[in-house]
Structures are given as structure tokens and as C-alpha cells.
Protein backbone atom coordinates (compact mmCIF):
# COMPACT_ATOMS: atom_id res chain seq x y z
CA MET A 1 49.39 38.84 -35.79
CA THR A 2 49.90 42.43 -36.77
CA THR A 3 53.19 43.14 -38.27
CA PRO A 4 54.88 46.46 -37.08
CA SER A 5 55.49 48.75 -40.08
CA PRO A 6 59.15 49.29 -40.99
CA THR A 7 58.74 52.93 -39.91
CA HIS A 8 57.50 52.16 -36.33
CA LYS A 9 59.69 52.44 -33.38
CA ALA A 10 58.81 50.93 -30.23
CA THR A 11 59.98 52.72 -27.12
CA LEU A 12 60.82 49.91 -24.70
CA GLN A 13 62.19 50.73 -21.28
CA ALA A 14 63.40 48.53 -18.13
CA PRO A 15 60.68 47.43 -15.85
CA THR A 16 59.67 50.01 -13.11
CA GLY A 17 61.99 49.55 -10.07
CA THR A 18 64.73 47.94 -12.12
CA ARG A 19 68.08 49.25 -13.37
CA ASP A 20 70.24 49.19 -16.51
CA PHE A 21 73.87 48.75 -16.03
CA TYR A 22 76.06 50.34 -18.54
CA PRO A 23 79.91 49.69 -18.26
CA ALA A 24 80.62 52.53 -15.77
CA ASP A 25 77.54 51.77 -13.81
CA LEU A 26 78.33 48.13 -13.64
CA ALA A 27 81.87 48.97 -12.58
CA ARG A 28 80.72 50.95 -9.55
CA ARG A 29 78.48 48.03 -8.48
CA ARG A 30 81.42 45.59 -8.85
CA PHE A 31 83.46 48.02 -6.69
CA ILE A 32 80.62 47.80 -3.97
CA GLU A 33 80.59 43.92 -4.53
CA SER A 34 84.42 43.83 -4.13
CA ALA A 35 84.34 45.84 -0.89
CA TRP A 36 81.73 43.57 0.53
CA ARG A 37 83.54 40.38 -0.39
CA ALA A 38 86.94 41.71 0.89
CA ALA A 39 85.39 42.41 4.39
CA SER A 40 83.59 39.16 4.60
CA VAL A 41 86.76 37.36 3.75
CA ARG A 42 88.98 39.47 6.33
CA HIS A 43 86.32 38.32 8.90
CA GLY A 44 86.58 34.71 8.09
CA PHE A 45 83.07 34.04 6.51
CA ASP A 46 82.73 31.58 3.62
CA GLU A 47 80.75 32.51 0.56
CA ILE A 48 77.44 30.56 -0.33
CA ASP A 49 74.69 30.81 -2.99
CA GLY A 50 71.34 29.38 -3.61
CA PRO A 51 68.52 29.53 -6.17
CA THR A 52 67.01 32.68 -7.53
CA PHE A 53 63.54 31.42 -6.91
CA GLU A 54 62.29 29.10 -4.31
CA HIS A 55 59.07 27.29 -3.40
CA LEU A 56 56.61 29.80 -2.18
CA ASP A 57 55.88 28.15 1.19
CA LEU A 58 59.53 28.73 2.13
CA TYR A 59 58.52 32.43 2.70
CA THR A 60 54.77 31.75 3.99
CA ILE A 61 56.04 29.26 6.50
CA LYS A 62 57.71 31.97 8.59
CA SER A 63 55.63 35.05 7.47
CA GLY A 64 52.44 33.82 6.67
CA ASP A 65 50.20 34.08 3.51
CA GLY A 66 50.31 38.01 3.88
CA ILE A 67 53.74 38.22 2.51
CA VAL A 68 52.49 36.99 -0.85
CA SER A 69 51.39 40.38 -2.05
CA GLU A 70 55.13 41.48 -1.37
CA LEU A 71 56.59 38.86 -3.65
CA PHE A 72 56.91 38.31 -7.33
CA SER A 73 55.33 34.76 -7.23
CA PHE A 74 54.44 32.65 -10.12
CA SER A 75 53.28 29.00 -11.11
CA ARG A 76 54.15 26.79 -14.04
CA SER A 77 51.33 24.91 -15.90
CA GLY A 78 50.85 21.25 -14.97
CA GLY A 79 50.09 21.45 -11.20
CA GLU A 80 53.80 22.24 -9.96
CA LYS A 81 54.11 24.10 -6.55
CA PRO A 82 54.01 28.03 -6.70
CA TYR A 83 57.41 29.75 -6.60
CA ALA A 84 58.57 33.18 -5.61
CA LEU A 85 61.71 35.07 -6.64
CA ARG A 86 63.78 35.64 -3.39
CA PRO A 87 62.97 39.01 -1.70
CA GLU A 88 65.78 38.04 0.93
CA PHE A 89 68.44 35.28 1.47
CA THR A 90 67.82 34.52 5.04
CA PRO A 91 65.28 31.69 4.60
CA THR A 92 67.29 30.01 1.96
CA LEU A 93 70.37 30.26 4.29
CA ALA A 94 68.21 28.48 7.03
CA ARG A 95 67.23 26.08 4.57
CA LEU A 96 70.88 25.07 3.57
CA PHE A 97 71.98 25.12 7.08
CA ALA A 98 69.15 22.67 8.15
CA ALA A 99 70.03 20.28 5.39
CA ARG A 100 73.48 19.65 6.27
CA ALA A 101 73.66 20.82 10.02
CA PRO A 102 75.43 17.61 11.53
CA GLN A 103 78.05 18.00 8.92
CA LEU A 104 78.69 21.69 9.40
CA PRO A 105 81.31 23.54 11.73
CA ARG A 106 80.33 25.23 14.89
CA PRO A 107 79.99 28.13 14.45
CA THR A 108 79.32 28.29 10.81
CA LYS A 109 80.07 31.73 9.14
CA TRP A 110 78.78 32.36 5.84
CA PHE A 111 78.39 35.44 3.52
CA TRP A 112 76.21 35.91 0.37
CA GLN A 113 75.97 38.71 -2.26
CA SER A 114 73.54 38.74 -5.01
CA THR A 115 70.17 39.83 -6.26
CA CYS A 116 66.82 39.89 -4.66
CA PHE A 117 63.30 40.86 -5.86
CA ARG A 118 60.55 42.58 -3.87
CA ALA A 119 56.97 43.70 -5.28
CA GLU A 120 56.69 46.96 -3.61
CA ARG A 121 56.34 50.61 -4.78
CA PRO A 122 59.98 51.82 -5.97
CA GLN A 123 61.01 54.84 -4.28
CA ARG A 124 64.59 56.61 -3.51
CA GLY A 125 66.58 53.97 -2.00
CA ARG A 126 64.30 51.10 -2.68
CA LEU A 127 63.99 49.22 -5.85
CA ARG A 128 62.12 46.05 -6.81
CA GLU A 129 65.46 44.45 -8.02
CA PHE A 130 68.68 45.14 -6.04
CA LEU A 131 71.89 43.62 -4.91
CA GLN A 132 72.18 42.55 -1.37
CA TRP A 133 74.99 41.42 0.89
CA ASN A 134 74.43 39.07 3.97
CA CYS A 135 76.63 37.91 6.56
CA ASP A 136 75.64 35.24 9.22
CA ILE A 137 77.09 33.37 12.00
CA LEU A 138 75.11 30.11 13.01
CA GLY A 139 75.79 27.75 15.93
CA SER A 140 77.89 29.97 18.19
CA GLU A 141 77.54 29.17 21.80
CA ASP A 142 78.61 32.77 22.66
CA ARG A 143 75.72 34.68 21.62
CA ALA A 144 77.07 38.16 22.60
CA ALA A 145 80.39 37.54 21.00
CA ALA A 146 78.63 36.37 17.80
CA ASP A 147 76.19 39.35 17.77
CA ALA A 148 79.50 41.62 18.21
CA GLU A 149 81.36 39.95 15.29
CA ILE A 150 78.40 40.60 13.02
CA ILE A 151 78.29 44.18 13.88
CA ALA A 152 82.13 44.09 13.37
CA VAL A 153 82.13 43.08 9.90
CA CYS A 154 79.55 45.57 9.02
CA VAL A 155 81.35 48.33 10.64
CA ASP A 156 84.68 47.28 9.05
CA LEU A 157 82.88 47.61 5.62
CA LEU A 158 81.86 50.98 6.32
CA SER A 159 85.06 52.17 7.65
CA ALA A 160 86.89 50.58 4.49
CA LEU A 161 84.81 52.67 2.34
CA GLY A 162 85.63 55.92 4.03
CA LEU A 163 82.55 56.30 6.36
CA THR A 164 83.07 57.44 9.94
CA PRO A 165 80.66 57.45 13.08
CA ALA A 166 79.90 61.06 12.16
CA ASP A 167 78.30 59.51 9.04
CA VAL A 168 76.40 56.48 10.28
CA THR A 169 75.43 54.83 13.55
CA VAL A 170 74.72 51.40 14.43
CA LYS A 171 71.57 51.60 16.40
CA ILE A 172 71.05 48.42 18.59
CA ASN A 173 68.24 47.00 20.63
CA ASP A 174 67.16 43.59 22.05
CA ARG A 175 63.62 42.35 20.99
CA ALA A 176 63.37 40.11 24.05
CA ALA A 177 64.01 43.24 26.26
CA VAL A 178 61.33 45.09 24.37
CA ALA A 179 58.86 42.20 24.76
CA GLN A 180 59.52 42.25 28.59
CA ALA A 181 58.82 45.82 28.67
CA LEU A 182 55.72 45.48 26.66
CA ALA A 183 54.62 42.78 29.18
CA GLN A 184 55.26 44.90 32.15
CA ALA A 185 53.42 47.70 30.57
CA GLY A 186 50.29 45.93 29.98
CA LEU A 187 50.39 43.89 26.91
CA THR A 188 49.21 40.37 27.40
CA GLY A 189 49.85 37.30 25.35
CA ASP A 190 51.81 37.27 22.05
CA PRO A 191 54.20 40.40 22.03
CA THR A 192 54.24 40.21 18.25
CA PRO A 193 51.38 42.84 17.61
CA GLY A 194 53.17 45.30 20.04
CA LEU A 195 56.50 44.74 18.05
CA VAL A 196 54.83 45.24 14.79
CA LEU A 197 53.32 48.36 15.96
CA LEU A 198 56.54 49.77 17.39
CA ASP A 199 58.25 49.14 14.00
CA LYS A 200 55.71 51.57 12.55
CA ARG A 201 56.13 54.18 15.31
CA ALA A 202 58.50 56.55 13.29
CA LYS A 203 55.73 56.74 10.38
CA LEU A 204 52.72 57.21 12.37
CA PRO A 205 51.56 60.58 13.86
CA GLU A 206 52.19 60.13 17.64
CA PRO A 207 48.28 60.43 18.38
CA GLU A 208 47.54 57.81 15.86
CA PHE A 209 50.32 55.54 17.34
CA ALA A 210 48.98 56.07 20.95
CA ARG A 211 45.42 55.23 20.01
CA HIS A 212 46.79 51.81 18.48
CA ALA A 213 48.83 51.45 21.68
CA ALA A 214 46.07 51.82 23.97
CA ALA A 215 43.97 49.28 21.83
CA LEU A 216 46.70 46.83 22.65
CA GLY A 217 46.25 47.67 26.44
CA LEU A 218 49.71 49.29 26.40
CA ASP A 219 50.68 51.95 29.00
CA LEU A 220 52.83 53.96 26.57
CA ALA A 221 54.20 56.00 29.36
CA ARG A 222 55.37 53.33 31.40
CA PHE A 223 56.69 51.44 28.44
CA ASP A 224 58.59 54.53 27.08
CA GLY A 225 60.02 54.76 30.71
CA LEU A 226 61.18 51.22 30.88
CA MET A 227 62.96 51.39 27.50
CA ALA A 228 64.63 54.74 28.44
CA HIS A 229 65.88 52.92 31.39
CA ALA A 230 67.25 50.11 29.30
CA ALA A 231 68.98 52.51 26.98
CA ASP A 232 70.54 54.08 29.83
CA GLN A 233 71.74 50.89 31.21
CA CYS A 234 73.41 49.85 28.02
CA ARG A 235 74.81 53.34 27.25
CA ALA A 236 76.68 52.75 30.59
CA ALA A 237 77.81 49.08 29.43
CA LEU A 238 79.13 50.83 26.12
CA ALA A 239 81.08 53.38 28.25
CA GLY A 240 82.74 50.60 30.18
CA HIS A 241 80.49 50.42 33.38
CA THR A 242 79.52 46.88 34.64
CA ILE A 243 75.55 46.27 34.59
CA ASP A 244 74.27 43.87 36.97
CA ASN A 245 70.61 44.00 36.22
CA PRO A 246 69.65 40.69 34.74
CA ALA A 247 67.03 42.07 32.45
CA PHE A 248 69.96 43.85 30.47
CA ALA A 249 72.40 41.05 30.66
CA SER A 250 72.36 40.30 26.92
CA LEU A 251 72.84 43.93 25.67
CA SER A 252 75.39 44.48 28.40
CA ALA A 253 77.31 41.54 27.17
CA LEU A 254 77.22 42.76 23.63
CA ALA A 255 78.28 46.20 24.71
CA ALA A 256 81.32 44.66 26.52
CA ASN A 257 82.40 42.80 23.28
CA LEU A 258 81.74 46.06 21.25
CA ARG A 259 83.99 48.03 23.59
CA GLN A 260 86.79 45.32 23.51
CA MET A 261 86.48 45.48 19.41
CA GLY A 262 87.11 49.35 19.58
CA LEU A 263 83.42 49.82 17.98
CA SER A 264 81.68 51.82 21.03
CA ALA A 265 82.27 55.14 18.98
CA TRP A 266 80.01 53.66 16.12
CA CYS A 267 77.19 52.13 18.16
CA ALA A 268 74.29 53.56 20.35
CA VAL A 269 71.30 51.81 21.98
CA ASP A 270 68.25 52.95 20.51
CA PRO A 271 64.94 51.59 22.03
CA SER A 272 62.89 52.52 18.77
CA ILE A 273 64.56 49.67 16.72
CA VAL A 274 62.64 46.45 16.73
CA ARG A 275 62.86 45.47 13.06
CA GLY A 276 59.63 44.35 11.44
CA LEU A 277 60.51 40.71 10.73
CA ALA A 278 58.94 38.40 12.97
CA TYR A 279 61.67 35.77 13.25
CA TYR A 280 63.98 38.07 15.13
CA THR A 281 64.22 36.84 18.74
CA GLY A 282 66.93 38.89 20.35
CA MET A 283 69.40 41.67 19.42
CA VAL A 284 68.54 43.84 16.50
CA PHE A 285 70.23 46.68 14.84
CA GLU A 286 70.10 49.10 11.97
CA VAL A 287 72.73 51.12 10.43
CA ILE A 288 71.37 54.70 10.16
CA ALA A 289 73.06 57.40 7.98
CA ASP A 290 72.48 61.20 8.36
CA GLY A 291 69.92 60.32 11.40
CA GLU A 292 67.21 58.70 9.09
CA ARG A 293 68.25 56.32 6.53
CA ALA A 294 68.86 52.72 7.19
CA VAL A 295 71.94 51.40 5.22
CA ALA A 296 71.61 48.01 6.67
CA GLY A 297 70.02 46.02 9.14
CA GLY A 298 69.80 42.68 11.08
CA GLY A 299 69.67 40.80 14.18
CA ARG A 300 69.31 37.36 16.10
CA TYR A 301 66.97 34.71 14.81
CA ASP A 302 67.54 31.71 16.94
CA ASN A 303 64.43 29.80 15.85
CA LEU A 304 64.52 29.87 12.12
CA VAL A 305 66.82 26.92 11.31
CA GLU A 306 64.56 24.53 13.51
CA LEU A 307 61.58 26.01 11.84
CA PHE A 308 63.00 24.70 8.55
CA GLY A 309 63.50 21.25 10.01
CA GLY A 310 67.12 21.67 11.48
CA PRO A 311 68.30 21.31 15.06
CA PRO A 312 67.59 24.16 17.47
CA THR A 313 70.38 26.51 16.19
CA SER A 314 71.45 30.12 17.54
CA ALA A 315 71.87 32.55 14.45
CA VAL A 316 72.52 36.00 13.90
CA GLY A 317 73.05 38.03 10.86
CA PHE A 318 72.48 41.32 8.67
CA GLY A 319 71.81 42.34 5.12
CA MET A 320 72.93 45.41 3.40
CA GLY A 321 71.68 46.60 -0.14
CA ASP A 322 73.70 48.31 -2.75
CA VAL A 323 71.11 51.07 -3.66
CA VAL A 324 71.28 53.31 -0.42
CA LEU A 325 74.92 52.52 0.15
CA SER A 326 75.76 53.56 -3.32
CA LEU A 327 73.70 56.83 -2.94
CA LEU A 328 75.43 57.43 0.47
CA LEU A 329 78.72 57.07 -0.86
CA THR A 330 78.12 59.39 -3.81
CA GLU A 331 76.44 62.06 -1.45
CA LYS A 332 79.49 61.90 0.87
CA LYS A 333 81.89 62.11 -2.24
CA LEU A 334 83.41 58.84 -1.26
CA MET A 335 82.53 56.93 -4.40
CA PRO A 336 85.69 56.70 -6.48
CA ASP A 337 85.86 58.24 -10.11
CA ASP A 338 85.43 55.97 -12.82
CA ARG A 339 89.13 55.62 -13.70
CA ALA A 340 90.10 54.94 -10.15
CA ILE A 341 87.39 52.31 -9.91
CA ALA A 342 88.69 50.57 -13.17
CA ARG A 343 92.33 50.48 -11.75
CA ALA A 344 90.94 49.15 -8.34
CA LEU A 345 89.08 46.29 -10.00
CA GLY A 346 91.76 45.36 -12.51
CA LEU A 347 89.73 46.64 -15.38
CA ALA A 348 92.14 49.30 -16.71
CA PRO A 349 94.25 48.34 -19.75
CA HIS A 350 97.85 47.57 -19.14
CA ALA A 351 98.72 48.83 -22.78
CA PHE A 352 97.22 51.24 -25.25
CA VAL A 353 98.47 50.82 -28.73
CA LEU A 354 98.52 53.44 -31.41
CA PRO A 355 100.38 54.23 -34.54
CA ASN A 356 102.28 57.36 -35.20
CA GLY A 357 100.30 57.75 -38.63
CA SER A 358 102.80 56.31 -40.77
CA PRO A 359 101.97 53.47 -43.16
CA GLU A 360 104.58 51.22 -41.48
CA ALA A 361 103.25 51.86 -38.17
CA GLU A 362 99.79 51.24 -39.26
CA SER A 363 100.70 47.72 -40.72
CA ALA A 364 102.03 46.75 -37.39
CA LEU A 365 99.03 47.62 -35.35
CA VAL A 366 96.96 44.46 -35.35
CA ALA A 367 100.09 42.02 -34.90
CA THR A 368 101.42 44.07 -32.00
CA VAL A 369 97.98 44.20 -30.15
CA ALA A 370 97.52 40.35 -30.64
CA ALA A 371 101.02 39.83 -29.43
CA LEU A 372 100.46 41.70 -26.27
CA ARG A 373 97.10 39.91 -25.78
CA ARG A 374 98.80 36.64 -26.09
CA ALA A 375 101.14 37.48 -23.43
CA GLY A 376 98.32 37.94 -21.25
CA LEU A 377 98.24 41.64 -21.09
CA HIS A 378 95.11 43.71 -21.28
CA THR A 379 95.51 45.62 -24.10
CA ARG A 380 93.41 48.20 -26.21
CA ARG A 381 93.59 50.18 -29.58
CA SER A 382 91.65 52.83 -31.03
CA TYR A 383 88.89 52.25 -33.70
CA LYS A 384 88.73 55.92 -34.56
CA THR A 385 89.76 57.14 -38.10
CA THR A 386 92.10 59.85 -36.76
CA ARG A 387 95.70 59.25 -36.53
CA ASN A 388 96.41 62.37 -34.63
CA VAL A 389 98.78 61.13 -32.05
CA GLY A 390 97.74 63.65 -29.62
CA LYS A 391 93.98 62.81 -29.87
CA LEU A 392 94.91 59.05 -29.65
CA LEU A 393 97.16 59.94 -26.51
CA LYS A 394 94.21 61.47 -24.90
CA GLU A 395 92.13 58.45 -25.69
CA ALA A 396 94.64 56.18 -24.16
CA ALA A 397 94.78 58.35 -20.90
CA ASP A 398 90.94 58.46 -20.72
CA SER A 399 90.89 54.59 -20.89
CA GLY A 400 92.87 54.57 -17.77
CA ALA A 401 95.73 52.48 -19.62
CA HIS A 402 99.12 52.22 -17.79
CA PHE A 403 101.26 52.29 -20.89
CA ALA A 404 100.64 53.97 -24.19
CA VAL A 405 102.69 52.07 -26.82
CA ILE A 406 103.35 54.38 -29.92
CA LEU A 407 104.32 52.54 -33.03
CA GLU A 408 107.05 54.36 -34.74
CA SER A 409 107.41 51.77 -37.50
CA ASP A 410 106.91 48.08 -38.25
CA GLN A 411 109.94 47.45 -36.15
CA GLU A 412 110.02 49.56 -32.96
CA ALA A 413 107.81 51.51 -30.50
CA THR A 414 107.91 54.44 -28.12
CA VAL A 415 106.54 53.58 -24.71
CA LYS A 416 105.03 56.26 -22.45
CA ASP A 417 104.15 55.58 -18.84
CA LEU A 418 100.76 57.26 -18.42
CA SER A 419 100.62 56.94 -14.71
CA THR A 420 103.74 59.12 -14.38
CA ASN A 421 103.50 60.80 -17.79
CA THR A 422 107.02 59.83 -18.51
CA GLN A 423 108.57 58.42 -21.63
CA TRP A 424 110.97 55.55 -21.72
CA PRO A 425 114.52 56.87 -22.87
CA ALA A 426 114.86 54.46 -25.88
CA ARG A 427 112.70 52.91 -28.34
CA VAL A 428 111.50 49.30 -27.81
CA PRO A 429 111.84 46.35 -30.58
CA LEU A 430 108.18 45.20 -31.30
CA ALA A 431 109.51 41.59 -30.62
CA SER A 432 110.45 42.45 -27.03
CA LEU A 433 107.47 44.43 -26.07
CA PRO A 434 105.33 41.67 -24.46
CA THR A 435 108.42 40.73 -22.22
CA GLN A 436 109.35 44.48 -21.32
CA LEU A 437 105.77 45.69 -20.69
CA LYS A 438 104.77 42.28 -18.60
CA PRO A 439 104.64 43.26 -14.83
CA PRO A 440 106.61 41.17 -12.44
CA ALA A 441 104.83 38.05 -11.38
CA SER A 442 104.40 39.47 -7.84
CA ALA A 443 102.66 42.72 -9.00
């Protein structure tokens, strides 16, 4: 084994497609996590979690062996089953539900937020390790109402972060209606090849897409006409008109629910939305920003719980990653600054203690900071050598602290409220600082 020389300096970087989170970076991520959790709780979802890695066959059961190349998979020595880092949470959720289905309420409303891993080429908005938020409703008898409720929690999150229908659109379609249109346009047998092709349509030159469609026996003009008619019908439903055509019953019922929730302005029917995952069975949607970027996506997957050994169960849900959402909020100038985020998350100090430069004040610094911390107050101090009060007050303000406590001696202090830039009229004895600075219990 070769020992590096003392003068050798290795340059080590994070793996491609991952991120390092310094304090300010992590605070911004926590801000998004906090918004996700708040929206979930407002809408009555309970939080769950599962393992970071699963048996590989949890993913191949539903997607086939071809998905293995998209996963970070591994095996331990000793003949154990192969594993994979989770690329998404829906299979784990279905496994969890199937394991305890008889004991769970109907409907079951769960949310989850944690890390996923995908072995794909990193690009803007897509990384190999990322944070994701899922909301799912399982076992609802009213599918249209559950579909609308899933869209509602997603829209609520977007609205809470300051986005509007001018920024994002929830584009909706129905895979069952698409499969029916494919059959009417000449596709025979399993509709999956047609759905997979349609999911790639935006990325293919139209002549190439048309060649693939013809190879499947698809009359593309007839299919586009059928889907255009479906879109017209559903737009009418979103506008409040009654649609009697049974072929569009599901989308029409969804549109009625969305309208009752006041969400019509956020939503549009788009026949091009089919979603690539094979387990979707009905309504699908994507949240599209600036006409092109997918911020979130999901849909109905009524067969997945049964596939994992559970009873037949209706299910609908969506996922949203933090990468595209963070980029969007930054570009729209909706990401709060670091100080505002620290205050929103309770990370900003309550008090920042600094001496006035005298030996007596200096001697009281450590004990005062300790007393305030024992009282439960987030308290900081400077570790700089300077005792220039002006510079230390700036450091206190930059930290986002509510109060600056200026030690005037070993007996008393001046308190400055940095949020209003006002100073308390009288000096405060050090012994009473914890009581006088402590906020009311209701604060």
C-alpha cells in the first residue's frame, strides 16, 4: 500500500449528480420541506416512511428487468437478494399498504418526503440524488373526488409558495380515454406500446414519431382528432358545462370537482400528457412551468397494491422533486432570502451577546451566554477578536438575531431590539436577562 506524501493534496468532490448542502443551502431545502409538510397536514395527510433501499424485485415486478439500468443496484456477498436504492416511493407505499390493508382506514391519505436515487445522466433539473414529496390517497370509493383532492394539495403548495396560474399549469389527461382513442385509431391489443410512444412524442421529430405510429398500425390523424374532441369536452366541463358523453365521464367528473374547489384557473386538459410509467390506469397530470418544465406529476394507479399482494385498491398520487421547484422559485424571485428563511424555520438566534470592550463585560460573556441557553433561548456570541461594538452589532444583525445584548459590565446589559432597531430604555440586570428576554409561552 502506497502512503501519500505529506505534500500531496487530494482533490475530492461529491459524486456526479449529487449536492453538498452548506448551512444556507440546507436551510433553503428545509424551507421547501417545511412547505411540503404544511400543505400535506392542511389537507389531512399522515406522514409515513420506509427504507432507503428495497429488494430489487420490488421495482422489476412492476416495470420489468429493463429498469435495472436506471437504478443504483447492489448485492452483498453471501447469496442474499439484490437490492436497489429507491428511485421513487410509490412501490414502497404500495407494499406498506398491502401489508396492513385490512387494518387501514378508507380512504388512507399518506404523504412522504425524503431522498430518491436514479442512475441517469445528470442535467439541469435532474440529479442522481434528490429530495421528493409524495401525496397519495388509497381506497377511496369516489375516484373523481380523490383525483381532485390530490391535485388540490399540489396546487395549494404552489400557491403557498407564491406561484400563480400565470406561472404553472396543471395539465390533465386520462390514460383510459387515451387507450380507447388508440384502439379506435387502429392500435390492437395491449395499448402500452402506444402509450410509451405518446410519452416520447414531445422529444421526437414529428416525422420520426409518425413513422413509429404507423409501425404500430395507428392512424395518427384519427387519433389526434379523437383526443382533440376529448380535450374540448373536458374544457367545457371545467367551464361548468354538463358533458353526457360516457367516454369522458371520468374527466368530466374530475373537472366538476376541480371547479367546486375553485381550481379551474390552474388546470387545463392536455391530450399529450400520458406519463411514462406503466402502472398508471386512469387520470394523469403534470404541473408544467413556463410551458415546458415538469415541476410535479402523478396520476391514478388502481392495480399496484394488488400487484404487491394486497386487495384490489383504488389509488392516486403524485410526486414533486425539490430540484426543479427550487430553480423555479429562484427564477421567479419567490425564494426568500437567507435571513427570512432562518426566521421562518426558527433558526434565527433569539439573542446575540457581545461585550462593550471593557474587562468587566468581557468576564461576564461566557456565563451570560450559558444562562440564556439554559433558559431555552437560542443564543449566539461572536468568536472574533475585535471588540468594536459597531462591528459586533453588524454581526448580530447579519445573524438574524432578534435581540442584541450588549454587556456593559459584569452586572448589567443594554438590550437592542434588532427587528425594530430600537433600544430598551433602561439597562437590564444580568440576573434577570433570561426572564425579560424569554418570549411569552404563546409566542
